[in-house]
Amino acid sequence: MKRLAMAGLLGTALIAISATAHARVSVSIGIGVPGFVYGPPPVYIAPAPVYVAPPPVMVVPGPIEYVPYDPYWRERRWREERWREYRRWDHDRHYHDRHYHRRRD
């Protein structure tokens, strides 16, 4: 048992000596990269609505027309309608047929 205790004591001493043997001064220069930064979500601010008044309603009366008074307008209208009968393309044919038959009688 003495040997086992001696071996354990010797192992512990070796571990302690090796730890002090590795003690050294180290200098390091590092540039730190920041971690991820999560900001709040962007906020959309809507512009104020623009209200435009409708155009004003303008009422403009129609133009005034002066028409001379014609007391004989009914006669003139009748004459125009009457002459329309004689302006037809077949007017001459009937006219000659009528007169031709009258001559034969």
PDB file of N, CA and C in Angstrom:
ATOM      1  N   MET A   1       0.796  -1.148   0.000  1.00  0.00           N
ATOM      2  CA  MET A   1       0.000   0.000   0.000  1.00  0.00           C
ATOM      3  C   MET A   1       0.867   1.250   0.000  1.00  0.00           C
ATOM      4  N   LYS A   2       2.007   1.141   0.584  1.00  0.00           N
ATOM      5  CA  LYS A   2       2.921   2.259   0.588  1.00  0.00           C
ATOM      6  C   LYS A   2       3.312   2.625  -0.835  1.00  0.00           C
ATOM      7  N   ARG A   3       3.428   1.625  -1.652  1.00  0.00           N
ATOM      8  CA  ARG A   3       3.835   1.917  -3.022  1.00  0.00           C
ATOM      9  C   ARG A   3       2.726   2.662  -3.760  1.00  0.00           C
ATOM     10  N   LEU A   4       1.521   2.281  -3.500  1.00  0.00           N
ATOM     11  CA  LEU A   4       0.400   2.914  -4.170  1.00  0.00           C
ATOM     12  C   LEU A   4       0.262   4.361  -3.710  1.00  0.00           C
ATOM     13  N   ALA A   5       0.434   4.606  -2.456  1.00  0.00           N
ATOM     14  CA  ALA A   5       0.342   5.964  -1.938  1.00  0.00           C
ATOM     15  C   ALA A   5       1.466   6.803  -2.493  1.00  0.00           C
ATOM     16  N   MET A   6       2.651   6.219  -2.594  1.00  0.00           N
ATOM     17  CA  MET A   6       3.806   6.928  -3.139  1.00  0.00           C
ATOM     18  C   MET A   6       3.585   7.249  -4.605  1.00  0.00           C
ATOM     19  N   ALA A   7       2.988   6.350  -5.360  1.00  0.00           N
ATOM     20  CA  ALA A   7       2.744   6.568  -6.777  1.00  0.00           C
ATOM     21  C   ALA A   7       1.699   7.671  -6.945  1.00  0.00           C
ATOM     22  N   GLY A   8       0.688   7.712  -6.110  1.00  0.00           N
ATOM     23  CA  GLY A   8      -0.338   8.753  -6.189  1.00  0.00           C
ATOM     24  C   GLY A   8       0.241  10.113  -5.847  1.00  0.00           C
ATOM     25  N   LEU A   9       1.111  10.145  -4.822  1.00  0.00           N
ATOM     26  CA  LEU A   9       1.730  11.398  -4.424  1.00  0.00           C
ATOM     27  C   LEU A   9       2.660  11.901  -5.510  1.00  0.00           C
ATOM     28  N   LEU A  10       3.398  11.008  -6.103  1.00  0.00           N
ATOM     29  CA  LEU A  10       4.321  11.375  -7.181  1.00  0.00           C
ATOM     30  C   LEU A  10       3.537  11.870  -8.397  1.00  0.00           C
ATOM     31  N   GLY A  11       2.404  11.276  -8.753  1.00  0.00           N
ATOM     32  CA  GLY A  11       1.576  11.704  -9.890  1.00  0.00           C
ATOM     33  C   GLY A  11       0.998  13.086  -9.649  1.00  0.00           C
ATOM     34  N   THR A  12       0.559  13.344  -8.424  1.00  0.00           N
ATOM     35  CA  THR A  12       0.000  14.648  -8.105  1.00  0.00           C
ATOM     36  C   THR A  12       1.071  15.716  -8.191  1.00  0.00           C
ATOM     37  N   ALA A  13       2.265  15.402  -7.745  1.00  0.00           N
ATOM     38  CA  ALA A  13       3.378  16.359  -7.797  1.00  0.00           C
ATOM     39  C   ALA A  13       3.748  16.655  -9.239  1.00  0.00           C
ATOM     40  N   LEU A  14       3.740  15.648 -10.088  1.00  0.00           N
ATOM     41  CA  LEU A  14       4.087  15.865 -11.499  1.00  0.00           C
ATOM     42  C   LEU A  14       3.042  16.764 -12.185  1.00  0.00           C
ATOM     43  N   ILE A  15       1.790  16.565 -11.858  1.00  0.00           N
ATOM     44  CA  ILE A  15       0.742  17.394 -12.463  1.00  0.00           C
ATOM     45  C   ILE A  15       0.900  18.837 -12.000  1.00  0.00           C
ATOM     46  N   ALA A  16       1.212  19.059 -10.741  1.00  0.00           N
ATOM     47  CA  ALA A  16       1.372  20.409 -10.213  1.00  0.00           C
ATOM     48  C   ALA A  16       2.577  21.085 -10.832  1.00  0.00           C
ATOM     49  N   ILE A  17       3.675  20.346 -11.016  1.00  0.00           N
ATOM     50  CA  ILE A  17       4.886  20.920 -11.603  1.00  0.00           C
ATOM     51  C   ILE A  17       4.639  21.268 -13.073  1.00  0.00           C
ATOM     52  N   SER A  18       3.931  20.424 -13.790  1.00  0.00           N
ATOM     53  CA  SER A  18       3.703  20.695 -15.204  1.00  0.00           C
ATOM     54  C   SER A  18       2.796  21.920 -15.387  1.00  0.00           C
ATOM     55  N   ALA A  19       1.855  22.156 -14.480  1.00  0.00           N
ATOM     56  CA  ALA A  19       0.979  23.315 -14.577  1.00  0.00           C
ATOM     57  C   ALA A  19       1.782  24.595 -14.384  1.00  0.00           C
ATOM     58  N   THR A  20       2.724  24.621 -13.485  1.00  0.00           N
ATOM     59  CA  THR A  20       3.538  25.808 -13.278  1.00  0.00           C
ATOM     60  C   THR A  20       4.537  25.981 -14.395  1.00  0.00           C
ATOM     61  N   ALA A  21       4.942  24.913 -15.035  1.00  0.00           N
ATOM     62  CA  ALA A  21       5.902  25.003 -16.124  1.00  0.00           C
ATOM     63  C   ALA A  21       5.265  25.659 -17.345  1.00  0.00           C
ATOM     64  N   HIS A  22       3.992  25.523 -17.506  1.00  0.00           N
ATOM     65  CA  HIS A  22       3.310  26.115 -18.660  1.00  0.00           C
ATOM     66  C   HIS A  22       2.857  27.553 -18.404  1.00  0.00           C
ATOM     67  N   ALA A  23       3.091  28.093 -17.280  1.00  0.00           N
ATOM     68  CA  ALA A  23       2.697  29.465 -16.992  1.00  0.00           C
ATOM     69  C   ALA A  23       3.540  30.401 -17.834  1.00  0.00           C
ATOM     70  N   ARG A  24       2.917  31.257 -18.590  1.00  0.00           N
ATOM     71  CA  ARG A  24       3.654  32.194 -19.429  1.00  0.00           C
ATOM     72  C   ARG A  24       2.812  33.455 -19.608  1.00  0.00           C
ATOM     73  N   VAL A  25       3.377  34.475 -20.158  1.00  0.00           N
ATOM     74  CA  VAL A  25       2.698  35.729 -20.427  1.00  0.00           C
ATOM     75  C   VAL A  25       2.318  35.713 -21.905  1.00  0.00           C
ATOM     76  N   SER A  26       1.063  35.971 -22.185  1.00  0.00           N
ATOM     77  CA  SER A  26       0.657  36.004 -23.586  1.00  0.00           C
ATOM     78  C   SER A  26      -0.032  37.341 -23.848  1.00  0.00           C
ATOM     79  N   VAL A  27       0.279  37.919 -24.988  1.00  0.00           N
ATOM     80  CA  VAL A  27      -0.308  39.184 -25.416  1.00  0.00           C
ATOM     81  C   VAL A  27      -1.051  38.895 -26.719  1.00  0.00           C
ATOM     82  N   SER A  28      -2.300  39.328 -26.772  1.00  0.00           N
ATOM     83  CA  SER A  28      -3.059  39.118 -28.001  1.00  0.00           C
ATOM     84  C   SER A  28      -3.777  40.423 -28.365  1.00  0.00           C
ATOM     85  N   ILE A  29      -3.833  40.663 -29.648  1.00  0.00           N
ATOM     86  CA  ILE A  29      -4.551  41.830 -30.163  1.00  0.00           C
ATOM     87  C   ILE A  29      -5.687  41.277 -31.024  1.00  0.00           C
ATOM     88  N   GLY A  30      -6.887  41.666 -30.733  1.00  0.00           N
ATOM     89  CA  GLY A  30      -8.032  41.150 -31.479  1.00  0.00           C
ATOM     90  C   GLY A  30      -8.985  42.280 -31.856  1.00  0.00           C
ATOM     91  N   ILE A  31      -9.592  42.120 -32.985  1.00  0.00           N
ATOM     92  CA  ILE A  31     -10.624  43.055 -33.423  1.00  0.00           C
ATOM     93  C   ILE A  31     -11.944  42.320 -33.254  1.00  0.00           C
ATOM     94  N   GLY A  32     -12.718  42.803 -32.351  1.00  0.00           N
ATOM     95  CA  GLY A  32     -13.971  42.116 -32.046  1.00  0.00           C
ATOM     96  C   GLY A  32     -15.050  42.432 -33.082  1.00  0.00           C
ATOM     97  N   VAL A  33     -15.703  41.422 -33.524  1.00  0.00           N
ATOM     98  CA  VAL A  33     -16.822  41.576 -34.442  1.00  0.00           C
ATOM     99  C   VAL A  33     -18.084  41.562 -33.591  1.00  0.00           C
ATOM    100  N   PRO A  34     -18.891  42.600 -33.716  1.00  0.00           N
ATOM    101  CA  PRO A  34     -20.081  42.613 -32.869  1.00  0.00           C
ATOM    102  C   PRO A  34     -21.049  41.502 -33.271  1.00  0.00           C
ATOM    103  N   GLY A  35     -21.862  41.141 -32.357  1.00  0.00           N
ATOM    104  CA  GLY A  35     -22.860  40.116 -32.631  1.00  0.00           C
ATOM    105  C   GLY A  35     -24.015  40.697 -33.448  1.00  0.00           C
ATOM    106  N   PHE A  36     -24.967  39.863 -33.750  1.00  0.00           N
ATOM    107  CA  PHE A  36     -26.128  40.311 -34.518  1.00  0.00           C
ATOM    108  C   PHE A  36     -26.996  41.223 -33.659  1.00  0.00           C
ATOM    109  N   VAL A  37     -27.399  42.313 -34.266  1.00  0.00           N
ATOM    110  CA  VAL A  37     -28.258  43.257 -33.563  1.00  0.00           C
ATOM    111  C   VAL A  37     -29.605  43.265 -34.276  1.00  0.00           C
ATOM    112  N   TYR A  38     -30.618  42.993 -33.541  1.00  0.00           N
ATOM    113  CA  TYR A  38     -31.965  42.995 -34.102  1.00  0.00           C
ATOM    114  C   TYR A  38     -32.686  44.245 -33.611  1.00  0.00           C
ATOM    115  N   GLY A  39     -32.980  45.146 -34.580  1.00  0.00           N
ATOM    116  CA  GLY A  39     -33.709  46.361 -34.226  1.00  0.00           C
ATOM    117  C   GLY A  39     -35.197  46.143 -34.385  1.00  0.00           C
ATOM    118  N   PRO A  40     -35.972  47.105 -33.984  1.00  0.00           N
ATOM    119  CA  PRO A  40     -37.425  46.963 -34.155  1.00  0.00           C
ATOM    120  C   PRO A  40     -37.777  47.035 -35.641  1.00  0.00           C
ATOM    121  N   PRO A  41     -38.895  46.485 -36.044  1.00  0.00           N
ATOM    122  CA  PRO A  41     -39.272  46.539 -37.463  1.00  0.00           C
ATOM    123  C   PRO A  41     -39.504  47.996 -37.892  1.00  0.00           C
ATOM    124  N   PRO A  42     -39.272  48.289 -39.182  1.00  0.00           N
ATOM    125  CA  PRO A  42     -39.473  49.667 -39.636  1.00  0.00           C
ATOM    126  C   PRO A  42     -40.951  50.062 -39.537  1.00  0.00           C
ATOM    127  N   VAL A  43     -41.172  51.294 -39.240  1.00  0.00           N
ATOM    128  CA  VAL A  43     -42.528  51.808 -39.071  1.00  0.00           C
ATOM    129  C   VAL A  43     -42.841  52.709 -40.253  1.00  0.00           C
ATOM    130  N   TYR A  44     -43.974  52.450 -40.924  1.00  0.00           N
ATOM    131  CA  TYR A  44     -44.395  53.277 -42.058  1.00  0.00           C
ATOM    132  C   TYR A  44     -45.376  54.318 -41.541  1.00  0.00           C
ATOM    133  N   ILE A  45     -45.051  55.548 -41.779  1.00  0.00           N
ATOM    134  CA  ILE A  45     -45.933  56.632 -41.368  1.00  0.00           C
ATOM    135  C   ILE A  45     -46.614  57.143 -42.628  1.00  0.00           C
ATOM    136  N   ALA A  46     -47.893  56.913 -42.724  1.00  0.00           N
ATOM    137  CA  ALA A  46     -48.649  57.330 -43.913  1.00  0.00           C
ATOM    138  C   ALA A  46     -48.803  58.846 -43.911  1.00  0.00           C
ATOM    139  N   PRO A  47     -48.674  59.464 -45.095  1.00  0.00           N
ATOM    140  CA  PRO A  47     -48.874  60.911 -45.135  1.00  0.00           C
ATOM    141  C   PRO A  47     -50.344  61.255 -44.885  1.00  0.00           C
ATOM    142  N   ALA A  48     -50.555  62.456 -44.450  1.00  0.00           N
ATOM    143  CA  ALA A  48     -51.926  62.899 -44.175  1.00  0.00           C
ATOM    144  C   ALA A  48     -52.714  62.945 -45.476  1.00  0.00           C
ATOM    145  N   PRO A  49     -53.986  62.550 -45.468  1.00  0.00           N
ATOM    146  CA  PRO A  49     -54.775  62.593 -46.709  1.00  0.00           C
ATOM    147  C   PRO A  49     -54.988  64.035 -47.159  1.00  0.00           C
ATOM    148  N   VAL A  50     -55.020  64.194 -48.460  1.00  0.00           N
ATOM    149  CA  VAL A  50     -55.223  65.521 -49.043  1.00  0.00           C
ATOM    150  C   VAL A  50     -56.678  65.612 -49.491  1.00  0.00           C
ATOM    151  N   TYR A  51     -57.377  66.570 -48.969  1.00  0.00           N
ATOM    152  CA  TYR A  51     -58.770  66.774 -49.336  1.00  0.00           C
ATOM    153  C   TYR A  51     -58.844  67.947 -50.304  1.00  0.00           C
ATOM    154  N   VAL A  52     -59.464  67.702 -51.445  1.00  0.00           N
ATOM    155  CA  VAL A  52     -59.623  68.747 -52.455  1.00  0.00           C
ATOM    156  C   VAL A  52     -61.111  68.992 -52.632  1.00  0.00           C
ATOM    157  N   ALA A  53     -61.482  70.243 -52.559  1.00  0.00           N
ATOM    158  CA  ALA A  53     -62.897  70.590 -52.725  1.00  0.00           C
ATOM    159  C   ALA A  53     -63.301  70.370 -54.175  1.00  0.00           C
ATOM    160  N   PRO A  54     -64.523  69.894 -54.420  1.00  0.00           N
ATOM    161  CA  PRO A  54     -64.965  69.715 -55.810  1.00  0.00           C
ATOM    162  C   PRO A  54     -65.101  71.075 -56.482  1.00  0.00           C
ATOM    163  N   PRO A  55     -64.996  71.093 -57.797  1.00  0.00           N
ATOM    164  CA  PRO A  55     -65.133  72.381 -58.485  1.00  0.00           C
ATOM    165  C   PRO A  55     -66.541  72.942 -58.279  1.00  0.00           C
ATOM    166  N   PRO A  56     -66.667  74.245 -58.240  1.00  0.00           N
ATOM    167  CA  PRO A  56     -68.001  74.825 -58.025  1.00  0.00           C
ATOM    168  C   PRO A  56     -68.912  74.547 -59.216  1.00  0.00           C
ATOM    169  N   VAL A  57     -70.172  74.385 -58.923  1.00  0.00           N
ATOM    170  CA  VAL A  57     -71.157  74.115 -59.966  1.00  0.00           C
ATOM    171  C   VAL A  57     -71.540  75.443 -60.609  1.00  0.00           C
ATOM    172  N   MET A  58     -71.369  75.505 -61.914  1.00  0.00           N
ATOM    173  CA  MET A  58     -71.704  76.729 -62.632  1.00  0.00           C
ATOM    174  C   MET A  58     -72.920  76.452 -63.509  1.00  0.00           C
ATOM    175  N   VAL A  59     -73.925  77.253 -63.372  1.00  0.00           N
ATOM    176  CA  VAL A  59     -75.130  77.127 -64.185  1.00  0.00           C
ATOM    177  C   VAL A  59     -75.119  78.279 -65.176  1.00  0.00           C
ATOM    178  N   VAL A  60     -75.031  77.934 -66.436  1.00  0.00           N
ATOM    179  CA  VAL A  60     -74.984  78.946 -67.488  1.00  0.00           C
ATOM    180  C   VAL A  60     -76.230  78.773 -68.346  1.00  0.00           C
ATOM    181  N   PRO A  61     -77.032  79.815 -68.493  1.00  0.00           N
ATOM    182  CA  PRO A  61     -78.217  79.674 -69.345  1.00  0.00           C
ATOM    183  C   PRO A  61     -77.809  79.545 -70.800  1.00  0.00           C
ATOM    184  N   GLY A  62     -78.658  78.912 -71.566  1.00  0.00           N
ATOM    185  CA  GLY A  62     -78.385  78.724 -72.987  1.00  0.00           C
ATOM    186  C   GLY A  62     -78.452  80.046 -73.734  1.00  0.00           C
ATOM    187  N   PRO A  63     -77.924  80.059 -74.948  1.00  0.00           N
ATOM    188  CA  PRO A  63     -77.955  81.308 -75.713  1.00  0.00           C
ATOM    189  C   PRO A  63     -79.389  81.667 -76.119  1.00  0.00           C
ATOM    190  N   ILE A  64     -79.617  82.927 -76.232  1.00  0.00           N
ATOM    191  CA  ILE A  64     -80.938  83.417 -76.629  1.00  0.00           C
ATOM    192  C   ILE A  64     -80.933  83.605 -78.137  1.00  0.00           C
ATOM    193  N   GLU A  65     -81.918  83.018 -78.789  1.00  0.00           N
ATOM    194  CA  GLU A  65     -82.011  83.132 -80.238  1.00  0.00           C
ATOM    195  C   GLU A  65     -83.254  83.943 -80.587  1.00  0.00           C
ATOM    196  N   TYR A  66     -83.060  84.897 -81.434  1.00  0.00           N
ATOM    197  CA  TYR A  66     -84.180  85.706 -81.906  1.00  0.00           C
ATOM    198  C   TYR A  66     -84.577  85.202 -83.285  1.00  0.00           C
ATOM    199  N   VAL A  67     -85.801  84.735 -83.411  1.00  0.00           N
ATOM    200  CA  VAL A  67     -86.308  84.207 -84.672  1.00  0.00           C
ATOM    201  C   VAL A  67     -87.435  85.133 -85.129  1.00  0.00           C
ATOM    202  N   PRO A  68     -87.364  85.593 -86.351  1.00  0.00           N
ATOM    203  CA  PRO A  68     -88.453  86.465 -86.813  1.00  0.00           C
ATOM    204  C   PRO A  68     -89.758  85.679 -86.908  1.00  0.00           C
ATOM    205  N   TYR A  69     -90.826  86.340 -86.599  1.00  0.00           N
ATOM    206  CA  TYR A  69     -92.139  85.694 -86.612  1.00  0.00           C
ATOM    207  C   TYR A  69     -92.677  85.666 -88.039  1.00  0.00           C
ATOM    208  N   ASP A  70     -93.128  84.491 -88.454  1.00  0.00           N
ATOM    209  CA  ASP A  70     -93.688  84.350 -89.793  1.00  0.00           C
ATOM    210  C   ASP A  70     -95.113  83.826 -89.647  1.00  0.00           C
ATOM    211  N   PRO A  71     -96.113  84.657 -89.890  1.00  0.00           N
ATOM    212  CA  PRO A  71     -97.491  84.179 -89.708  1.00  0.00           C
ATOM    213  C   PRO A  71     -97.914  83.166 -90.763  1.00  0.00           C
ATOM    214  N   TYR A  72     -97.171  83.053 -91.854  1.00  0.00           N
ATOM    215  CA  TYR A  72     -97.558  82.150 -92.938  1.00  0.00           C
ATOM    216  C   TYR A  72     -96.736  80.864 -92.940  1.00  0.00           C
ATOM    217  N   TRP A  73     -96.228  80.473 -91.822  1.00  0.00           N
ATOM    218  CA  TRP A  73     -95.354  79.306 -91.800  1.00  0.00           C
ATOM    219  C   TRP A  73     -96.091  78.027 -92.178  1.00  0.00           C
ATOM    220  N   ARG A  74     -97.384  77.954 -91.908  1.00  0.00           N
ATOM    221  CA  ARG A  74     -98.124  76.741 -92.265  1.00  0.00           C
ATOM    222  C   ARG A  74     -98.270  76.627 -93.775  1.00  0.00           C
ATOM    223  N   GLU A  75     -98.505  77.721 -94.444  1.00  0.00           N
ATOM    224  CA  GLU A  75     -98.617  77.671 -95.898  1.00  0.00           C
ATOM    225  C   GLU A  75     -97.293  77.289 -96.532  1.00  0.00           C
ATOM    226  N   ARG A  76     -96.238  77.861 -96.040  1.00  0.00           N
ATOM    227  CA  ARG A  76     -94.936  77.553 -96.608  1.00  0.00           C
ATOM    228  C   ARG A  76     -94.609  76.071 -96.403  1.00  0.00           C
ATOM    229  N   ARG A  77     -94.914  75.567 -95.236  1.00  0.00           N
ATOM    230  CA  ARG A  77     -94.659  74.153 -94.964  1.00  0.00           C
ATOM    231  C   ARG A  77     -95.479  73.287 -95.924  1.00  0.00           C
ATOM    232  N   TRP A  78     -96.708  73.662 -96.165  1.00  0.00           N
ATOM    233  CA  TRP A  78     -97.545  72.887 -97.072  1.00  0.00           C
ATOM    234  C   TRP A  78     -96.966  72.916 -98.485  1.00  0.00           C
ATOM    235  N   ARG A  79     -96.501  74.083 -98.922  1.00  0.00           N
ATOM    236  CA  ARG A  79     -95.915  74.178-100.256  1.00  0.00           C
ATOM    237  C   ARG A  79     -94.660  73.313-100.374  1.00  0.00           C
ATOM    238  N   GLU A  80     -93.836  73.324 -99.337  1.00  0.00           N
ATOM    239  CA  GLU A  80     -92.621  72.503 -99.386  1.00  0.00           C
ATOM    240  C   GLU A  80     -92.971  71.027 -99.467  1.00  0.00           C
ATOM    241  N   GLU A  81     -93.943  70.589 -98.720  1.00  0.00           N
ATOM    242  CA  GLU A  81     -94.343  69.183 -98.758  1.00  0.00           C
ATOM    243  C   GLU A  81     -94.983  68.832-100.092  1.00  0.00           C
ATOM    244  N   ARG A  82     -95.723  69.762-100.643  1.00  0.00           N
ATOM    245  CA  ARG A  82     -96.377  69.511-101.926  1.00  0.00           C
ATOM    246  C   ARG A  82     -95.339  69.335-103.021  1.00  0.00           C
ATOM    247  N   TRP A  83     -94.328  70.161-103.039  1.00  0.00           N
ATOM    248  CA  TRP A  83     -93.305  70.063-104.069  1.00  0.00           C
ATOM    249  C   TRP A  83     -92.450  68.812-103.918  1.00  0.00           C
ATOM    250  N   ARG A  84     -92.455  68.227-102.774  1.00  0.00           N
ATOM    251  CA  ARG A  84     -91.677  67.001-102.600  1.00  0.00           C
ATOM    252  C   ARG A  84     -92.218  65.875-103.466  1.00  0.00           C
ATOM    253  N   GLU A  85     -93.503  65.877-103.711  1.00  0.00           N
ATOM    254  CA  GLU A  85     -94.074  64.835-104.561  1.00  0.00           C
ATOM    255  C   GLU A  85     -93.481  64.889-105.960  1.00  0.00           C
ATOM    256  N   TYR A  86     -93.243  66.072-106.454  1.00  0.00           N
ATOM    257  CA  TYR A  86     -92.759  66.220-107.827  1.00  0.00           C
ATOM    258  C   TYR A  86     -91.252  66.074-107.942  1.00  0.00           C
ATOM    259  N   ARG A  87     -90.578  65.933-106.856  1.00  0.00           N
ATOM    260  CA  ARG A  87     -89.126  65.768-106.909  1.00  0.00           C
ATOM    261  C   ARG A  87     -88.729  64.292-106.979  1.00  0.00           C
ATOM    262  N   ARG A  88     -89.677  63.412-106.922  1.00  0.00           N
ATOM    263  CA  ARG A  88     -89.345  61.989-106.971  1.00  0.00           C
ATOM    264  C   ARG A  88     -88.833  61.621-108.348  1.00  0.00           C
ATOM    265  N   TRP A  89     -88.080  60.560-108.431  1.00  0.00           N
ATOM    266  CA  TRP A  89     -87.483  60.147-109.701  1.00  0.00           C
ATOM    267  C   TRP A  89     -88.533  59.605-110.671  1.00  0.00           C
ATOM    268  N   ASP A  90     -89.612  59.019-110.141  1.00  0.00           N
ATOM    269  CA  ASP A  90     -90.616  58.435-111.031  1.00  0.00           C
ATOM    270  C   ASP A  90     -91.762  59.402-111.328  1.00  0.00           C
ATOM    271  N   HIS A  91     -91.616  60.633-110.947  1.00  0.00           N
ATOM    272  CA  HIS A  91     -92.681  61.604-111.180  1.00  0.00           C
ATOM    273  C   HIS A  91     -92.933  61.806-112.671  1.00  0.00           C
ATOM    274  N   ASP A  92     -91.875  61.931-113.439  1.00  0.00           N
ATOM    275  CA  ASP A  92     -92.047  62.186-114.869  1.00  0.00           C
ATOM    276  C   ASP A  92     -92.748  61.019-115.561  1.00  0.00           C
ATOM    277  N   ARG A  93     -92.441  59.827-115.198  1.00  0.00           N
ATOM    278  CA  ARG A  93     -93.052  58.670-115.847  1.00  0.00           C
ATOM    279  C   ARG A  93     -94.559  58.662-115.639  1.00  0.00           C
ATOM    280  N   HIS A  94     -94.975  58.875-114.423  1.00  0.00           N
ATOM    281  CA  HIS A  94     -96.407  58.890-114.156  1.00  0.00           C
ATOM    282  C   HIS A  94     -97.083  60.085-114.820  1.00  0.00           C
ATOM    283  N   TYR A  95     -96.377  61.151-114.844  1.00  0.00           N
ATOM    284  CA  TYR A  95     -96.945  62.341-115.476  1.00  0.00           C
ATOM    285  C   TYR A  95     -97.215  62.073-116.951  1.00  0.00           C
ATOM    286  N   HIS A  96     -96.257  61.483-117.641  1.00  0.00           N
ATOM    287  CA  HIS A  96     -96.441  61.210-119.067  1.00  0.00           C
ATOM    288  C   HIS A  96     -97.470  60.110-119.301  1.00  0.00           C
ATOM    289  N   ASP A  97     -97.480  59.122-118.434  1.00  0.00           N
ATOM    290  CA  ASP A  97     -98.477  58.069-118.600  1.00  0.00           C
ATOM    291  C   ASP A  97     -99.892  58.620-118.453  1.00  0.00           C
ATOM    292  N   ARG A  98    -100.068  59.460-117.508  1.00  0.00           N
ATOM    293  CA  ARG A  98    -101.374  60.039-117.280  1.00  0.00           C
ATOM    294  C   ARG A  98    -101.824  60.868-118.488  1.00  0.00           C
ATOM    295  N   HIS A  99    -100.928  61.673-118.975  1.00  0.00           N
ATOM    296  CA  HIS A  99    -101.290  62.510-120.112  1.00  0.00           C
ATOM    297  C   HIS A  99    -101.455  61.685-121.392  1.00  0.00           C
ATOM    298  N   TYR A 100    -100.704  60.653-121.492  1.00  0.00           N
ATOM    299  CA  TYR A 100    -100.822  59.811-122.678  1.00  0.00           C
ATOM    300  C   TYR A 100    -102.191  59.148-122.716  1.00  0.00           C
ATOM    301  N   HIS A 101    -102.633  58.644-121.587  1.00  0.00           N
ATOM    302  CA  HIS A 101    -103.942  57.996-121.538  1.00  0.00           C
ATOM    303  C   HIS A 101    -105.062  58.997-121.774  1.00  0.00           C
ATOM    304  N   ARG A 102    -104.864  60.158-121.312  1.00  0.00           N
ATOM    305  CA  ARG A 102    -105.910  61.157-121.512  1.00  0.00           C
ATOM    306  C   ARG A 102    -106.029  61.534-122.992  1.00  0.00           C
ATOM    307  N   ARG A 103    -104.938  61.518-123.674  1.00  0.00           N
ATOM    308  CA  ARG A 103    -104.984  61.866-125.096  1.00  0.00           C
ATOM    309  C   ARG A 103    -105.708  60.781-125.901  1.00  0.00           C
ATOM    310  N   ARG A 104    -105.533  59.554-125.482  1.00  0.00           N
ATOM    311  CA  ARG A 104    -106.160  58.461-126.228  1.00  0.00           C
ATOM    312  C   ARG A 104    -107.665  58.486-126.073  1.00  0.00           C
ATOM    313  N   ASP A 105    -108.096  58.940-124.983  1.00  0.00           N
ATOM    314  CA  ASP A 105    -109.549  58.916-124.757  1.00  0.00           C
ATOM    315  C   ASP A 105    -110.241  59.879-125.586  1.00  0.00           C
TER     316      ASP A 105
END
